[in-house]
């Protein structure tokens, strides 16, 4: 789907980092668990991970960071799956620019969710 809407992501060596983002039931924040990364043009075991394997439920979100290849001449090695138990907690309303993400990259795409997303999926015990 990403490759259909973003033609630049079709280039060999493009890295896709995936994370599961879900509301935290104990506090007004979101929890982010890195699922893994795939490198376009370099097949790996990570290519076969499905949402059901990650305990995805309705109301959860998938975060995708797209890193273009370093250059046309040198391709990065295939990406490996990150630790399944690595979880990051993010306060609701905090800007994404403040979050380090994957391989030293920083996401800069506006606000991180809103309270409206807590109405669906997992129960919310907030204020």
Protein backbone atom coordinates (compact mmCIF):
# COMPACT_ATOMS: atom_id res chain seq x y z
CA UNK A 1 0.00 0.00 0.00
CA UNK A 2 2.78 2.44 0.92
CA UNK A 3 4.59 1.75 -2.35
CA UNK A 4 1.39 2.47 -4.31
CA UNK A 5 0.84 5.93 -2.81
CA UNK A 6 4.51 6.93 -2.48
CA UNK A 7 6.45 6.14 -5.69
CA UNK A 8 9.81 7.15 -4.13
CA UNK A 9 9.48 4.28 -1.64
CA UNK A 10 9.76 1.75 -4.50
CA UNK A 11 13.51 2.28 -4.81
CA UNK A 12 15.71 -0.67 -3.86
CA UNK A 13 17.27 -0.10 -0.45
CA UNK A 14 14.38 1.92 1.02
CA UNK A 15 13.91 0.96 4.69
CA UNK A 16 10.46 0.69 6.30
CA UNK A 17 10.40 0.73 10.14
CA UNK A 18 7.11 -0.46 11.66
CA UNK A 19 5.79 0.17 15.18
CA UNK A 20 2.51 -0.64 16.92
CA UNK A 21 0.97 2.37 18.70
CA UNK A 22 -1.84 1.79 21.19
CA UNK A 23 -3.53 3.78 23.98
CA UNK A 24 -2.16 3.00 27.44
CA UNK A 25 -5.05 1.83 29.65
CA UNK A 26 -3.34 3.05 32.86
CA UNK A 27 -2.43 6.63 31.88
CA UNK A 28 -3.26 9.35 29.33
CA UNK A 29 -0.52 8.26 26.96
CA UNK A 30 0.22 5.94 24.07
CA UNK A 31 2.54 2.95 24.08
CA UNK A 32 4.77 2.32 21.08
CA UNK A 33 6.28 -1.10 20.43
CA UNK A 34 8.71 -1.49 17.57
CA UNK A 35 7.71 -4.42 15.36
CA UNK A 36 10.64 -4.53 12.97
CA UNK A 37 11.98 -3.19 9.73
CA UNK A 38 12.15 -4.33 6.13
CA UNK A 39 14.46 -3.21 3.37
CA UNK A 40 12.97 -2.99 -0.13
CA UNK A 41 14.71 -5.41 -2.46
CA UNK A 42 16.25 -7.51 0.33
CA UNK A 43 13.86 -10.29 1.49
CA UNK A 44 13.99 -11.27 5.18
CA UNK A 45 11.94 -13.09 7.82
CA UNK A 46 10.44 -9.75 8.87
CA UNK A 47 8.49 -9.64 5.59
CA UNK A 48 6.14 -12.33 6.91
CA UNK A 49 5.05 -10.69 10.19
CA UNK A 50 1.25 -10.23 10.29
CA UNK A 51 -0.90 -7.96 12.47
CA UNK A 52 -2.33 -10.96 14.35
CA UNK A 53 1.24 -11.94 15.34
CA UNK A 54 1.69 -8.51 16.97
CA UNK A 55 -1.51 -8.60 19.08
CA UNK A 56 -3.05 -5.79 17.01
CA UNK A 57 -6.59 -4.82 18.10
CA UNK A 58 -9.14 -2.35 16.72
CA UNK A 59 -8.11 1.12 17.90
CA UNK A 60 -4.37 0.46 17.58
CA UNK A 61 -2.33 2.29 14.96
CA UNK A 62 0.65 1.34 12.83
CA UNK A 63 3.50 3.84 12.61
CA UNK A 64 5.63 3.56 9.46
CA UNK A 65 8.94 5.42 9.08
CA UNK A 66 10.31 5.43 5.54
CA UNK A 67 14.05 5.97 5.11
CA UNK A 68 15.29 6.40 1.53
CA UNK A 69 18.44 4.60 0.41
CA UNK A 70 21.75 6.31 1.23
CA UNK A 71 22.83 6.42 -2.42
CA UNK A 72 22.24 4.62 -5.69
CA UNK A 73 25.69 2.97 -5.54
CA UNK A 74 25.61 1.47 -2.05
CA UNK A 75 22.63 -0.41 -0.64
CA UNK A 76 22.18 -0.99 3.10
CA UNK A 77 22.15 -4.49 4.49
CA UNK A 78 18.72 -6.02 5.14
CA UNK A 79 17.10 -4.68 8.28
CA UNK A 80 16.49 -7.02 11.20
CA UNK A 81 13.55 -7.32 13.56
CA UNK A 82 13.83 -5.21 16.68
CA UNK A 83 13.18 -6.69 20.10
CA UNK A 84 9.49 -7.51 20.52
CA UNK A 85 9.46 -6.43 24.16
CA UNK A 86 10.89 -2.94 23.52
CA UNK A 87 8.08 -0.54 24.39
CA UNK A 88 8.16 3.25 24.33
CA UNK A 89 5.61 5.37 26.20
CA UNK A 90 4.54 8.62 24.56
CA UNK A 91 2.45 11.30 26.28
CA UNK A 92 -0.68 12.29 24.38
CA UNK A 93 -0.30 15.64 22.72
CA UNK A 94 3.52 15.53 22.61
CA UNK A 95 4.97 16.51 19.24
CA UNK A 96 6.50 13.73 17.17
CA UNK A 97 9.56 15.87 16.55
CA UNK A 98 10.57 15.14 20.14
CA UNK A 99 10.65 11.38 19.61
CA UNK A 100 13.79 9.65 18.41
CA UNK A 101 12.77 6.89 16.02
CA UNK A 102 14.76 3.98 14.65
CA UNK A 103 18.32 4.36 13.29
CA UNK A 104 18.74 7.86 14.75
CA UNK A 105 15.95 9.33 12.61
CA UNK A 106 13.51 11.85 14.08
CA UNK A 107 9.86 11.89 13.02
CA UNK A 108 8.58 15.39 12.20
CA UNK A 109 4.95 15.02 11.22
CA UNK A 110 2.79 17.11 13.56
CA UNK A 111 0.87 16.14 16.66
CA UNK A 112 0.80 12.59 17.98
CA UNK A 113 -2.85 11.56 18.16
CA UNK A 114 -5.66 13.08 20.14
CA UNK A 115 -8.05 12.09 22.90
CA UNK A 116 -10.62 11.06 20.26
CA UNK A 117 -8.59 7.96 19.38
CA UNK A 118 -9.04 6.69 22.94
CA UNK A 119 -12.80 6.28 22.41
CA UNK A 120 -12.31 3.25 20.22
CA UNK A 121 -10.49 -0.05 20.81
CA UNK A 122 -8.89 -0.53 24.19
CA UNK A 123 -10.57 1.02 27.27
CA UNK A 124 -9.28 4.41 28.40
CA UNK A 125 -8.98 5.17 32.13
CA UNK A 126 -8.01 8.82 31.67
CA UNK A 127 -9.28 12.01 33.32
